[in-house]
Every structure is written in structure tokens, then in C-alpha cells.
Amino acid sequence: MRIAVPLRNSTDAELAVLKVDLDQGAASWEHLGADQRALTLRTSDFPANMGKAVYFDRAILRDNQVILQSVGQFGQPRTGYRFGVIAQIDTHGAVKRQVYWQDYTDMPDEKKRGFKGDFTQSGDYFLAKGCYRPTDPWKGRTAAIDLTTGFAAPFKLPKGHADVTIIDHIDGQWWGTRTGPEGAMQVIVFAAD
């Protein structure tokens, strides 16, 4: 099993790959290519980030390709994010393919914008949630961003399930949770249509 691991400190962000052998109970860092153990993103490939390095929190290996999600900086700034992107990168940190791309730097209204989320276990989707309600394109709902096409679709849950939070996509099924009538956590599985 190979896992993309974002590494960061206060001034830089790198991506490394950890190779895990569960049978042997061992793990080791693996080269991404170009004889390097970790890579940084090529800032010039992303929207303007006020001269700062482009950070990322999430990354996934999909068919030996690195796909990551970035909002440009750490934390949640008071003024909103500079951009929200999902991109496939090469082994030098350059953008190879823009999967889902939102550049907020030229928005004239200066409203806060951004989205966060997680890649699914299946490696097929990124589950996104808007960070700021007034500019959330999905109106508070979770959206599934298809990593092949870049198409983003908010979930329309079945009647009686509006309180379900979608958390993952595994083996062709959507997984969600909600709090039951007695306060217990319920796990719900939906067929992917």
C-alpha cells in the first residue's frame, strides 16, 4: 500500500509517499521520481498567493498519479482563501491537470470564499464543503467532485435522510452518518446512482 503524506512546517509544504507492508509490519519512504523523497509545489502554476508558497492539506495517489487539494495557505484566514483547487501534479510539483479550479483573486466583491474536504477511500471523488455560507456554491450541502471529469455535484439525499452527512465512497457505495433518536451514531450506506 502506498500513501501520499503531506508534510509541513511553518514555512514550507512537501509531499512524500509512504510504502506500507502490513504483512511484514514495516513502512518506508519511497521516491516520487527524479530521485527525491519529497516534492514541493511549483507556485507559478497556481493562482496568485501573495508571494507565498502554495500549501496543501490533502493528497491521494490514484493510478500512480498524485492528486492534491489546496487552498493556498494554512488555517482559515479572516479574508477568505485565495483559491480552491484540486490538481494532478507531476513528480516535480508542476500542475499536470486541473481537476477542479476556483481562483478567487479577481472577484470584485471581496467576499470570503473557499472549500475544504477529503478524498474518498475509492479514490474516485473529493467530498467538498464550502467554508463560508454566503458564497457556498453548494448551499451547505456536501458536493462530490469527480476526480476523472472534475464535475462537482451536491448530494441530493433520499427523503427522510436530509440529516445524513456523507463521509466516504467505498466499493461503489456512499457512506454517511447521522445521530439517531436516542443520540447514538448511525452509519448509513447508499447505492451510488
N, C-alpha and C. Protein backbone atom coordinates (compact mmCIF):
# COMPACT_ATOMS: atom_id res chain seq x y z
N MET A 1 0.85 -1.16 0.00
CA MET A 1 0.00 0.00 0.00
C MET A 1 0.90 1.23 0.00
N ARG A 2 0.57 2.22 -0.85
CA ARG A 2 1.31 3.48 -0.91
C ARG A 2 0.38 4.60 -0.48
N ILE A 3 0.86 5.46 0.41
CA ILE A 3 0.05 6.54 0.96
C ILE A 3 0.74 7.87 0.71
N ALA A 4 0.01 8.83 0.12
CA ALA A 4 0.54 10.18 -0.06
C ALA A 4 0.44 10.91 1.27
N VAL A 5 1.55 11.45 1.75
CA VAL A 5 1.60 12.09 3.06
C VAL A 5 2.04 13.54 2.92
N PRO A 6 1.14 14.52 3.16
CA PRO A 6 1.57 15.91 3.18
C PRO A 6 2.39 16.18 4.44
N LEU A 7 3.54 16.81 4.28
CA LEU A 7 4.41 17.19 5.39
C LEU A 7 4.49 18.71 5.40
N ARG A 8 4.50 19.31 6.57
CA ARG A 8 4.59 20.77 6.57
C ARG A 8 5.20 21.27 7.86
N ASN A 9 5.74 22.49 7.75
CA ASN A 9 6.13 23.26 8.92
C ASN A 9 5.62 24.67 8.68
N SER A 10 6.09 25.65 9.40
CA SER A 10 5.53 26.99 9.27
C SER A 10 5.91 27.70 7.98
N THR A 11 6.88 27.20 7.24
CA THR A 11 7.33 27.91 6.04
C THR A 11 7.27 27.10 4.76
N ASP A 12 6.98 25.83 4.81
CA ASP A 12 7.05 25.01 3.61
C ASP A 12 6.05 23.88 3.67
N ALA A 13 5.77 23.28 2.54
CA ALA A 13 4.91 22.10 2.48
C ALA A 13 5.49 21.16 1.44
N GLU A 14 5.57 19.90 1.78
CA GLU A 14 6.11 18.89 0.87
C GLU A 14 5.18 17.70 0.85
N LEU A 15 5.32 16.90 -0.19
CA LEU A 15 4.54 15.67 -0.30
C LEU A 15 5.52 14.51 -0.39
N ALA A 16 5.29 13.50 0.43
CA ALA A 16 6.11 12.30 0.41
C ALA A 16 5.19 11.09 0.27
N VAL A 17 5.77 9.95 -0.11
CA VAL A 17 4.99 8.72 -0.25
C VAL A 17 5.53 7.69 0.73
N LEU A 18 4.62 7.14 1.53
CA LEU A 18 4.98 6.12 2.50
C LEU A 18 4.50 4.77 1.96
N LYS A 19 5.42 3.83 1.84
CA LYS A 19 5.07 2.48 1.39
C LYS A 19 4.89 1.63 2.64
N VAL A 20 3.71 1.04 2.79
CA VAL A 20 3.36 0.27 3.98
C VAL A 20 3.16 -1.19 3.60
N ASP A 21 3.82 -2.07 4.31
CA ASP A 21 3.66 -3.51 4.12
C ASP A 21 3.03 -4.05 5.40
N LEU A 22 1.72 -4.25 5.38
CA LEU A 22 1.01 -4.71 6.57
C LEU A 22 1.40 -6.12 6.97
N ASP A 23 1.69 -6.97 5.99
CA ASP A 23 2.07 -8.35 6.29
C ASP A 23 3.39 -8.39 7.06
N GLN A 24 4.32 -7.53 6.69
CA GLN A 24 5.63 -7.50 7.34
C GLN A 24 5.67 -6.56 8.55
N GLY A 25 4.64 -5.73 8.69
CA GLY A 25 4.63 -4.76 9.79
C GLY A 25 5.71 -3.72 9.62
N ALA A 26 5.93 -3.27 8.36
CA ALA A 26 7.02 -2.34 8.09
C ALA A 26 6.54 -1.23 7.16
N ALA A 27 7.24 -0.10 7.23
CA ALA A 27 6.95 1.02 6.33
C ALA A 27 8.26 1.71 5.99
N SER A 28 8.29 2.31 4.79
CA SER A 28 9.48 3.06 4.38
C SER A 28 9.06 4.16 3.42
N TRP A 29 9.86 5.24 3.39
CA TRP A 29 9.60 6.33 2.47
C TRP A 29 10.04 5.91 1.08
N GLU A 30 9.25 6.30 0.09
CA GLU A 30 9.52 5.91 -1.29
C GLU A 30 9.78 7.15 -2.14
N HIS A 31 10.64 7.01 -3.12
CA HIS A 31 10.92 8.12 -4.04
C HIS A 31 9.72 8.38 -4.93
N LEU A 32 9.42 9.66 -5.16
CA LEU A 32 8.34 10.04 -6.05
C LEU A 32 8.79 10.10 -7.50
N GLY A 33 10.05 10.12 -7.72
CA GLY A 33 10.61 10.29 -9.05
C GLY A 33 11.68 11.35 -8.98
N ALA A 34 12.48 11.43 -9.97
CA ALA A 34 13.56 12.42 -10.03
C ALA A 34 14.46 12.33 -8.79
N ASP A 35 14.59 11.12 -8.24
CA ASP A 35 15.45 10.87 -7.09
C ASP A 35 15.19 11.79 -5.90
N GLN A 36 13.97 12.09 -5.66
CA GLN A 36 13.66 12.90 -4.48
C GLN A 36 12.63 12.19 -3.62
N ARG A 37 12.80 12.36 -2.33
CA ARG A 37 11.87 11.72 -1.40
C ARG A 37 10.61 12.54 -1.18
N ALA A 38 10.70 13.85 -1.35
CA ALA A 38 9.54 14.71 -1.17
C ALA A 38 9.57 15.81 -2.21
N LEU A 39 8.42 16.38 -2.52
CA LEU A 39 8.37 17.45 -3.50
C LEU A 39 7.56 18.61 -2.98
N THR A 40 7.84 19.79 -3.50
CA THR A 40 7.06 20.99 -3.21
C THR A 40 6.35 21.40 -4.49
N LEU A 41 5.31 22.19 -4.34
CA LEU A 41 4.52 22.62 -5.49
C LEU A 41 5.18 23.79 -6.20
N ARG A 42 5.04 23.81 -7.51
CA ARG A 42 5.55 24.93 -8.30
C ARG A 42 4.54 26.07 -8.21
N THR A 43 4.86 27.08 -7.43
CA THR A 43 3.96 28.18 -7.12
C THR A 43 3.41 28.86 -8.36
N SER A 44 4.21 29.00 -9.41
CA SER A 44 3.79 29.71 -10.62
C SER A 44 2.64 29.02 -11.36
N ASP A 45 2.36 27.76 -11.06
CA ASP A 45 1.26 27.03 -11.71
C ASP A 45 -0.10 27.30 -11.07
N PHE A 46 -0.10 27.96 -9.92
CA PHE A 46 -1.32 28.19 -9.16
C PHE A 46 -1.71 29.66 -9.20
N PRO A 47 -2.96 30.00 -8.85
CA PRO A 47 -3.34 31.41 -8.79
C PRO A 47 -2.45 32.17 -7.80
N ALA A 48 -2.41 33.49 -7.94
CA ALA A 48 -1.56 34.32 -7.09
C ALA A 48 -1.83 34.05 -5.62
N ASN A 49 -0.76 33.87 -4.85
CA ASN A 49 -0.89 33.55 -3.43
C ASN A 49 -0.10 34.55 -2.58
N MET A 50 -0.12 35.80 -3.02
CA MET A 50 0.55 36.89 -2.31
C MET A 50 2.03 36.61 -2.10
N GLY A 51 2.67 35.96 -3.07
CA GLY A 51 4.10 35.69 -2.99
C GLY A 51 4.49 34.57 -2.05
N LYS A 52 3.52 33.87 -1.49
CA LYS A 52 3.81 32.80 -0.54
C LYS A 52 3.81 31.44 -1.23
N ALA A 53 4.44 30.46 -0.59
CA ALA A 53 4.41 29.09 -1.09
C ALA A 53 2.98 28.58 -1.11
N VAL A 54 2.69 27.66 -2.00
CA VAL A 54 1.36 27.05 -2.08
C VAL A 54 1.35 25.82 -1.18
N TYR A 55 0.48 25.84 -0.18
CA TYR A 55 0.37 24.74 0.77
C TYR A 55 -0.77 23.81 0.36
N PHE A 56 -0.76 22.62 0.92
CA PHE A 56 -1.86 21.69 0.68
C PHE A 56 -2.00 20.79 1.90
N ASP A 57 -3.22 20.38 2.14
CA ASP A 57 -3.52 19.51 3.28
C ASP A 57 -3.84 18.09 2.86
N ARG A 58 -4.36 17.91 1.66
CA ARG A 58 -4.84 16.61 1.24
C ARG A 58 -4.17 16.18 -0.05
N ALA A 59 -3.86 14.91 -0.14
CA ALA A 59 -3.30 14.35 -1.38
C ALA A 59 -3.65 12.88 -1.44
N ILE A 60 -3.70 12.36 -2.65
CA ILE A 60 -4.02 10.95 -2.86
C ILE A 60 -3.22 10.44 -4.05
N LEU A 61 -2.86 9.17 -3.99
CA LEU A 61 -2.25 8.51 -5.13
C LEU A 61 -3.36 7.73 -5.84
N ARG A 62 -3.55 8.02 -7.11
CA ARG A 62 -4.61 7.38 -7.89
C ARG A 62 -3.99 6.90 -9.19
N ASP A 63 -3.91 5.61 -9.38
CA ASP A 63 -3.27 5.04 -10.57
C ASP A 63 -1.85 5.58 -10.73
N ASN A 64 -1.12 5.62 -9.63
CA ASN A 64 0.26 6.13 -9.59
C ASN A 64 0.39 7.60 -9.96
N GLN A 65 -0.71 8.33 -9.93
CA GLN A 65 -0.69 9.77 -10.17
C GLN A 65 -1.01 10.47 -8.84
N VAL A 66 -0.38 11.63 -8.61
CA VAL A 66 -0.62 12.40 -7.40
C VAL A 66 -1.69 13.45 -7.69
N ILE A 67 -2.77 13.42 -6.90
CA ILE A 67 -3.81 14.43 -6.97
C ILE A 67 -3.89 15.07 -5.59
N LEU A 68 -3.94 16.41 -5.55
CA LEU A 68 -3.98 17.09 -4.26
C LEU A 68 -5.01 18.19 -4.27
N GLN A 69 -5.34 18.65 -3.06
CA GLN A 69 -6.27 19.75 -2.88
C GLN A 69 -5.53 20.85 -2.14
N SER A 70 -5.68 22.09 -2.60
CA SER A 70 -5.01 23.22 -1.97
C SER A 70 -5.94 24.41 -1.89
N VAL A 71 -5.81 25.15 -0.80
CA VAL A 71 -6.48 26.45 -0.65
C VAL A 71 -5.44 27.56 -0.58
N GLY A 72 -4.18 27.21 -0.84
CA GLY A 72 -3.13 28.20 -0.93
C GLY A 72 -2.38 28.48 0.34
N GLN A 73 -3.02 28.33 1.49
CA GLN A 73 -2.37 28.68 2.75
C GLN A 73 -2.92 27.83 3.89
N PHE A 74 -2.23 27.86 5.03
CA PHE A 74 -2.67 27.12 6.20
C PHE A 74 -3.76 27.90 6.93
N GLY A 75 -4.54 27.20 7.73
CA GLY A 75 -5.54 27.86 8.56
C GLY A 75 -6.71 28.38 7.76
N GLN A 76 -7.54 29.16 8.42
CA GLN A 76 -8.69 29.78 7.77
C GLN A 76 -8.56 31.29 7.97
N PRO A 77 -8.12 32.00 6.94
CA PRO A 77 -7.86 33.43 7.09
C PRO A 77 -9.14 34.24 7.26
N ARG A 78 -9.02 35.42 7.88
CA ARG A 78 -10.17 36.30 8.10
C ARG A 78 -10.75 36.81 6.78
N THR A 79 -9.93 36.89 5.75
CA THR A 79 -10.38 37.44 4.47
C THR A 79 -10.79 36.37 3.46
N GLY A 80 -10.77 35.11 3.84
CA GLY A 80 -11.10 34.03 2.92
C GLY A 80 -9.85 33.53 2.22
N TYR A 81 -10.00 32.49 1.45
CA TYR A 81 -8.86 31.88 0.76
C TYR A 81 -8.61 32.56 -0.57
N ARG A 82 -7.41 32.42 -1.10
CA ARG A 82 -7.04 32.99 -2.40
C ARG A 82 -7.60 32.13 -3.54
N PHE A 83 -7.69 30.83 -3.31
CA PHE A 83 -8.22 29.93 -4.32
C PHE A 83 -8.58 28.60 -3.68
N GLY A 84 -9.26 27.76 -4.43
CA GLY A 84 -9.57 26.39 -4.03
C GLY A 84 -9.37 25.51 -5.25
N VAL A 85 -8.42 24.60 -5.19
CA VAL A 85 -8.13 23.79 -6.37
C VAL A 85 -7.91 22.33 -6.02
N ILE A 86 -8.22 21.50 -6.97
CA ILE A 86 -7.83 20.09 -6.96
C ILE A 86 -7.06 19.91 -8.25
N ALA A 87 -5.83 19.41 -8.14
CA ALA A 87 -4.97 19.30 -9.31
C ALA A 87 -4.17 18.01 -9.29
N GLN A 88 -3.91 17.50 -10.46
CA GLN A 88 -2.97 16.39 -10.62
C GLN A 88 -1.61 17.02 -10.88
N ILE A 89 -0.58 16.55 -10.17
CA ILE A 89 0.76 17.12 -10.33
C ILE A 89 1.74 16.05 -10.80
N ASP A 90 2.85 16.50 -11.38
CA ASP A 90 3.89 15.57 -11.78
C ASP A 90 4.91 15.42 -10.66
N THR A 91 5.97 14.68 -10.89
CA THR A 91 6.95 14.40 -9.84
C THR A 91 7.88 15.58 -9.56
N HIS A 92 7.66 16.69 -10.24
CA HIS A 92 8.43 17.91 -9.97
C HIS A 92 7.56 18.96 -9.29
N GLY A 93 6.31 18.64 -8.98
CA GLY A 93 5.40 19.57 -8.32
C GLY A 93 4.67 20.50 -9.27
N ALA A 94 4.77 20.26 -10.58
CA ALA A 94 4.09 21.09 -11.57
C ALA A 94 2.68 20.53 -11.83
N VAL A 95 1.73 21.44 -12.07
CA VAL A 95 0.37 21.02 -12.37
C VAL A 95 0.34 20.35 -13.73
N LYS A 96 -0.15 19.13 -13.74
CA LYS A 96 -0.28 18.33 -14.96
C LYS A 96 -1.69 18.45 -15.53
N ARG A 97 -2.67 18.53 -14.60
CA ARG A 97 -4.09 18.62 -15.00
C ARG A 97 -4.87 19.33 -13.91
N GLN A 98 -5.67 20.31 -14.33
CA GLN A 98 -6.56 20.99 -13.40
C GLN A 98 -7.85 20.16 -13.30
N VAL A 99 -8.07 19.55 -12.15
CA VAL A 99 -9.27 18.73 -11.97
C VAL A 99 -10.46 19.63 -11.64
N TYR A 100 -10.30 20.49 -10.64
CA TYR A 100 -11.36 21.43 -10.22
C TYR A 100 -10.64 22.70 -9.78
N TRP A 101 -10.97 23.83 -10.38
CA TRP A 101 -10.16 25.03 -10.23
C TRP A 101 -11.03 26.24 -9.94
N GLN A 102 -10.84 26.87 -8.77
CA GLN A 102 -11.55 28.11 -8.44
C GLN A 102 -10.51 29.14 -8.02
N ASP A 103 -10.41 30.23 -8.79
CA ASP A 103 -9.49 31.33 -8.49
C ASP A 103 -10.33 32.50 -7.99
N TYR A 104 -10.15 32.89 -6.72
CA TYR A 104 -10.94 33.95 -6.12
C TYR A 104 -10.23 35.30 -6.15
N THR A 105 -9.02 35.35 -6.67
CA THR A 105 -8.22 36.58 -6.59
C THR A 105 -8.80 37.73 -7.41
N ASP A 106 -9.58 37.46 -8.43
CA ASP A 106 -10.14 38.53 -9.27
C ASP A 106 -11.61 38.82 -8.98
N MET A 107 -12.14 38.27 -7.89
CA MET A 107 -13.55 38.50 -7.58
C MET A 107 -13.72 39.94 -7.09
N PRO A 108 -14.58 40.73 -7.74
CA PRO A 108 -14.69 42.15 -7.41
C PRO A 108 -15.40 42.44 -6.09
N ASP A 109 -16.19 41.51 -5.56
CA ASP A 109 -16.98 41.80 -4.37
C ASP A 109 -16.21 41.61 -3.06
N GLU A 110 -15.02 41.03 -3.11
CA GLU A 110 -14.17 40.81 -1.93
C GLU A 110 -14.83 39.98 -0.83
N LYS A 111 -15.79 39.13 -1.19
CA LYS A 111 -16.40 38.25 -0.20
C LYS A 111 -15.47 37.07 0.06
N LYS A 112 -15.61 36.47 1.24
CA LYS A 112 -14.81 35.29 1.60
C LYS A 112 -15.30 34.09 0.81
N ARG A 113 -14.33 33.32 0.30
CA ARG A 113 -14.65 32.12 -0.47
C ARG A 113 -13.68 31.00 -0.12
N GLY A 114 -14.09 29.77 -0.40
CA GLY A 114 -13.22 28.63 -0.21
C GLY A 114 -14.00 27.36 0.07
N PHE A 115 -13.32 26.23 -0.11
CA PHE A 115 -13.92 24.94 0.23
C PHE A 115 -12.83 24.04 0.79
N LYS A 116 -13.25 23.10 1.60
CA LYS A 116 -12.36 22.08 2.15
C LYS A 116 -13.04 20.74 2.01
N GLY A 117 -12.33 19.68 2.36
CA GLY A 117 -12.93 18.35 2.29
C GLY A 117 -11.90 17.26 2.34
N ASP A 118 -12.28 16.09 1.85
CA ASP A 118 -11.41 14.91 1.88
C ASP A 118 -11.60 14.08 0.62
N PHE A 119 -10.54 13.38 0.25
CA PHE A 119 -10.64 12.40 -0.82
C PHE A 119 -11.33 11.16 -0.27
N THR A 120 -12.07 10.47 -1.13
CA THR A 120 -12.75 9.24 -0.68
C THR A 120 -11.79 8.06 -0.75
N GLN A 121 -12.13 7.02 0.01
CA GLN A 121 -11.32 5.79 0.01
C GLN A 121 -11.23 5.17 -1.37
N SER A 122 -12.27 5.32 -2.17
CA SER A 122 -12.27 4.73 -3.50
C SER A 122 -11.28 5.43 -4.43
N GLY A 123 -10.90 6.66 -4.09
CA GLY A 123 -10.02 7.43 -4.95
C GLY A 123 -10.74 8.01 -6.15
N ASP A 124 -12.06 7.97 -6.15
CA ASP A 124 -12.84 8.46 -7.28
C ASP A 124 -13.36 9.88 -7.09
N TYR A 125 -13.46 10.35 -5.84
CA TYR A 125 -14.10 11.63 -5.56
C TYR A 125 -13.34 12.41 -4.48
N PHE A 126 -13.62 13.71 -4.48
CA PHE A 126 -13.25 14.58 -3.37
C PHE A 126 -14.57 15.10 -2.81
N LEU A 127 -14.81 14.90 -1.51
CA LEU A 127 -16.04 15.37 -0.88
C LEU A 127 -15.78 16.78 -0.35
N ALA A 128 -16.43 17.77 -0.96
CA ALA A 128 -16.17 19.18 -0.67
C ALA A 128 -17.32 19.83 0.10
N LYS A 129 -16.95 20.76 0.99
CA LYS A 129 -17.92 21.59 1.72
C LYS A 129 -17.42 23.02 1.63
N GLY A 130 -18.33 23.94 1.34
CA GLY A 130 -17.97 25.36 1.32
C GLY A 130 -17.62 25.83 2.72
N CYS A 131 -16.65 26.74 2.82
CA CYS A 131 -16.21 27.26 4.13
C CYS A 131 -17.03 28.45 4.59
N TYR A 132 -17.65 29.17 3.67
CA TYR A 132 -18.37 30.40 4.01
C TYR A 132 -19.77 30.34 3.42
N ARG A 133 -20.78 30.34 4.27
CA ARG A 133 -22.16 30.14 3.83
C ARG A 133 -22.61 31.12 2.75
N PRO A 134 -22.34 32.43 2.84
CA PRO A 134 -22.86 33.35 1.82
C PRO A 134 -22.34 33.08 0.40
N THR A 135 -21.18 32.46 0.27
CA THR A 135 -20.63 32.21 -1.07
C THR A 135 -20.49 30.73 -1.38
N ASP A 136 -21.11 29.88 -0.58
CA ASP A 136 -21.02 28.44 -0.79
C ASP A 136 -21.81 28.03 -2.04
N PRO A 137 -21.12 27.55 -3.08
CA PRO A 137 -21.85 27.18 -4.31
C PRO A 137 -22.78 26.00 -4.11
N TRP A 138 -22.59 25.24 -3.03
CA TRP A 138 -23.40 24.04 -2.79
C TRP A 138 -24.43 24.25 -1.69
N LYS A 139 -24.59 25.48 -1.24
CA LYS A 139 -25.63 25.87 -0.27
C LYS A 139 -25.66 25.00 0.98
N GLY A 140 -24.49 24.74 1.55
CA GLY A 140 -24.39 23.98 2.80
C GLY A 140 -24.36 22.47 2.63
N ARG A 141 -24.58 21.99 1.41
CA ARG A 141 -24.55 20.55 1.18
C ARG A 141 -23.14 20.10 0.82
N THR A 142 -22.87 18.82 0.99
CA THR A 142 -21.61 18.24 0.56
C THR A 142 -21.69 17.99 -0.94
N ALA A 143 -20.61 18.31 -1.64
CA ALA A 143 -20.56 18.05 -3.08
C ALA A 143 -19.51 16.99 -3.36
N ALA A 144 -19.80 16.11 -4.29
CA ALA A 144 -18.84 15.10 -4.74
C ALA A 144 -18.19 15.63 -6.02
N ILE A 145 -16.87 15.82 -5.98
CA ILE A 145 -16.14 16.26 -7.16
C ILE A 145 -15.49 15.02 -7.78
N ASP A 146 -15.90 14.69 -8.98
CA ASP A 146 -15.39 13.52 -9.70
C ASP A 146 -13.96 13.80 -10.13
N LEU A 147 -13.01 12.98 -9.70
CA LEU A 147 -11.60 13.22 -9.98
C LEU A 147 -11.20 12.91 -11.42
N THR A 148 -12.08 12.24 -12.17
CA THR A 148 -11.81 11.98 -13.58
C THR A 148 -12.29 13.14 -14.44
N THR A 149 -13.51 13.61 -14.19
CA THR A 149 -14.11 14.65 -15.03
C THR A 149 -14.02 16.05 -14.45
N GLY A 150 -13.87 16.17 -13.13
CA GLY A 150 -13.88 17.48 -12.48
C GLY A 150 -15.28 18.00 -12.21
N PHE A 151 -16.29 17.21 -12.54
CA PHE A 151 -17.68 17.62 -12.33
C PHE A 151 -18.01 17.59 -10.84
N ALA A 152 -18.61 18.69 -10.34
CA ALA A 152 -19.00 18.78 -8.93
C ALA A 152 -20.51 18.76 -8.82
N ALA A 153 -21.03 17.82 -8.03
CA ALA A 153 -22.48 17.70 -7.87
C ALA A 153 -22.82 17.61 -6.38
N PRO A 154 -23.69 18.52 -5.89
CA PRO A 154 -24.12 18.40 -4.49
C PRO A 154 -25.02 17.19 -4.32
N PHE A 155 -24.95 16.59 -3.14
CA PHE A 155 -25.76 15.40 -2.88
C PHE A 155 -27.22 15.77 -2.70
N LYS A 156 -28.05 15.00 -3.35
CA LYS A 156 -29.49 15.08 -3.11
C LYS A 156 -29.85 13.78 -2.41
N LEU A 157 -30.04 13.88 -1.10
CA LEU A 157 -30.29 12.68 -0.30
C LEU A 157 -31.74 12.24 -0.41
N PRO A 158 -31.99 10.95 -0.23
CA PRO A 158 -33.36 10.44 -0.28
C PRO A 158 -34.24 11.07 0.79
N LYS A 159 -35.53 11.08 0.55
CA LYS A 159 -36.49 11.63 1.51
C LYS A 159 -36.30 10.96 2.87
N GLY A 160 -36.29 11.78 3.91
CA GLY A 160 -36.13 11.27 5.27
C GLY A 160 -34.67 11.13 5.69
N HIS A 161 -33.74 11.52 4.80
CA HIS A 161 -32.32 11.39 5.12
C HIS A 161 -31.56 12.72 5.01
N ALA A 162 -32.27 13.83 5.09
CA ALA A 162 -31.65 15.15 4.94
C ALA A 162 -30.61 15.43 6.02
N ASP A 163 -30.69 14.73 7.15
CA ASP A 163 -29.76 14.96 8.25
C ASP A 163 -28.49 14.10 8.16
N VAL A 164 -28.33 13.36 7.08
CA VAL A 164 -27.17 12.48 6.91
C VAL A 164 -25.99 13.30 6.38
N THR A 165 -24.83 13.06 6.97
CA THR A 165 -23.58 13.66 6.50
C THR A 165 -22.83 12.60 5.72
N ILE A 166 -22.59 12.85 4.43
CA ILE A 166 -21.85 11.90 3.58
C ILE A 166 -20.38 11.96 3.99
N ILE A 167 -19.77 10.80 4.26
CA ILE A 167 -18.38 10.79 4.73
C ILE A 167 -17.42 10.02 3.82
N ASP A 168 -17.93 9.15 2.93
CA ASP A 168 -16.99 8.38 2.12
C ASP A 168 -17.70 7.69 0.96
N HIS A 169 -16.86 7.19 0.03
CA HIS A 169 -17.32 6.39 -1.10
C HIS A 169 -16.39 5.18 -1.17
N ILE A 170 -16.94 3.98 -0.97
CA ILE A 170 -16.15 2.75 -0.93
C ILE A 170 -16.88 1.68 -1.72
N ASP A 171 -16.16 1.01 -2.61
CA ASP A 171 -16.72 -0.10 -3.38
C ASP A 171 -18.06 0.25 -4.02
N GLY A 172 -18.15 1.43 -4.62
CA GLY A 172 -19.36 1.82 -5.34
C GLY A 172 -20.52 2.24 -4.46
N GLN A 173 -20.29 2.44 -3.17
CA GLN A 173 -21.37 2.84 -2.27
C GLN A 173 -20.97 4.11 -1.51
N TRP A 174 -21.97 4.96 -1.23
CA TRP A 174 -21.77 6.16 -0.43
C TRP A 174 -22.05 5.83 1.03
N TRP A 175 -21.19 6.31 1.91
CA TRP A 175 -21.34 6.08 3.34
C TRP A 175 -21.64 7.41 4.03
N GLY A 176 -22.55 7.36 4.99
CA GLY A 176 -22.91 8.56 5.72
C GLY A 176 -23.19 8.26 7.18
N THR A 177 -23.28 9.32 7.97
CA THR A 177 -23.60 9.17 9.40
C THR A 177 -24.68 10.17 9.77
N ARG A 178 -25.37 9.86 10.83
CA ARG A 178 -26.32 10.78 11.44
C ARG A 178 -26.54 10.36 12.89
N THR A 179 -27.04 11.26 13.67
CA THR A 179 -27.35 10.97 15.06
C THR A 179 -28.77 10.44 15.13
N GLY A 180 -28.92 9.27 15.73
CA GLY A 180 -30.23 8.64 15.84
C GLY A 180 -31.09 9.28 16.91
N PRO A 181 -32.33 8.81 17.06
CA PRO A 181 -33.27 9.41 18.00
C PRO A 181 -32.81 9.36 19.46
N GLU A 182 -31.99 8.38 19.81
CA GLU A 182 -31.53 8.28 21.20
C GLU A 182 -30.10 8.80 21.37
N GLY A 183 -29.60 9.53 20.35
CA GLY A 183 -28.27 10.11 20.44
C GLY A 183 -27.15 9.22 19.95
N ALA A 184 -27.49 8.01 19.53
CA ALA A 184 -26.46 7.09 19.03
C ALA A 184 -26.11 7.43 17.57
N MET A 185 -24.86 7.24 17.23
CA MET A 185 -24.40 7.47 15.85
C MET A 185 -24.87 6.34 14.96
N GLN A 186 -25.49 6.67 13.85
CA GLN A 186 -25.95 5.69 12.89
C GLN A 186 -25.08 5.79 11.63
N VAL A 187 -24.70 4.67 11.08
CA VAL A 187 -23.97 4.62 9.81
C VAL A 187 -24.95 4.13 8.75
N ILE A 188 -25.01 4.88 7.65
CA ILE A 188 -25.97 4.57 6.60
C ILE A 188 -25.21 4.40 5.29
N VAL A 189 -25.58 3.39 4.49
CA VAL A 189 -24.94 3.12 3.21
C VAL A 189 -25.97 3.29 2.10
N PHE A 190 -25.57 4.06 1.06
CA PHE A 190 -26.43 4.30 -0.09
C PHE A 190 -25.78 3.69 -1.32
N ALA A 191 -26.58 3.17 -2.23
CA ALA A 191 -26.06 2.73 -3.52
C ALA A 191 -25.70 3.96 -4.32
N ALA A 192 -24.60 3.92 -5.03
CA ALA A 192 -24.18 5.05 -5.86
C ALA A 192 -24.95 5.02 -7.17
N ASP A 193 -25.75 6.06 -7.41
CA ASP A 193 -26.53 6.15 -8.65
C ASP A 193 -25.96 7.23 -9.51
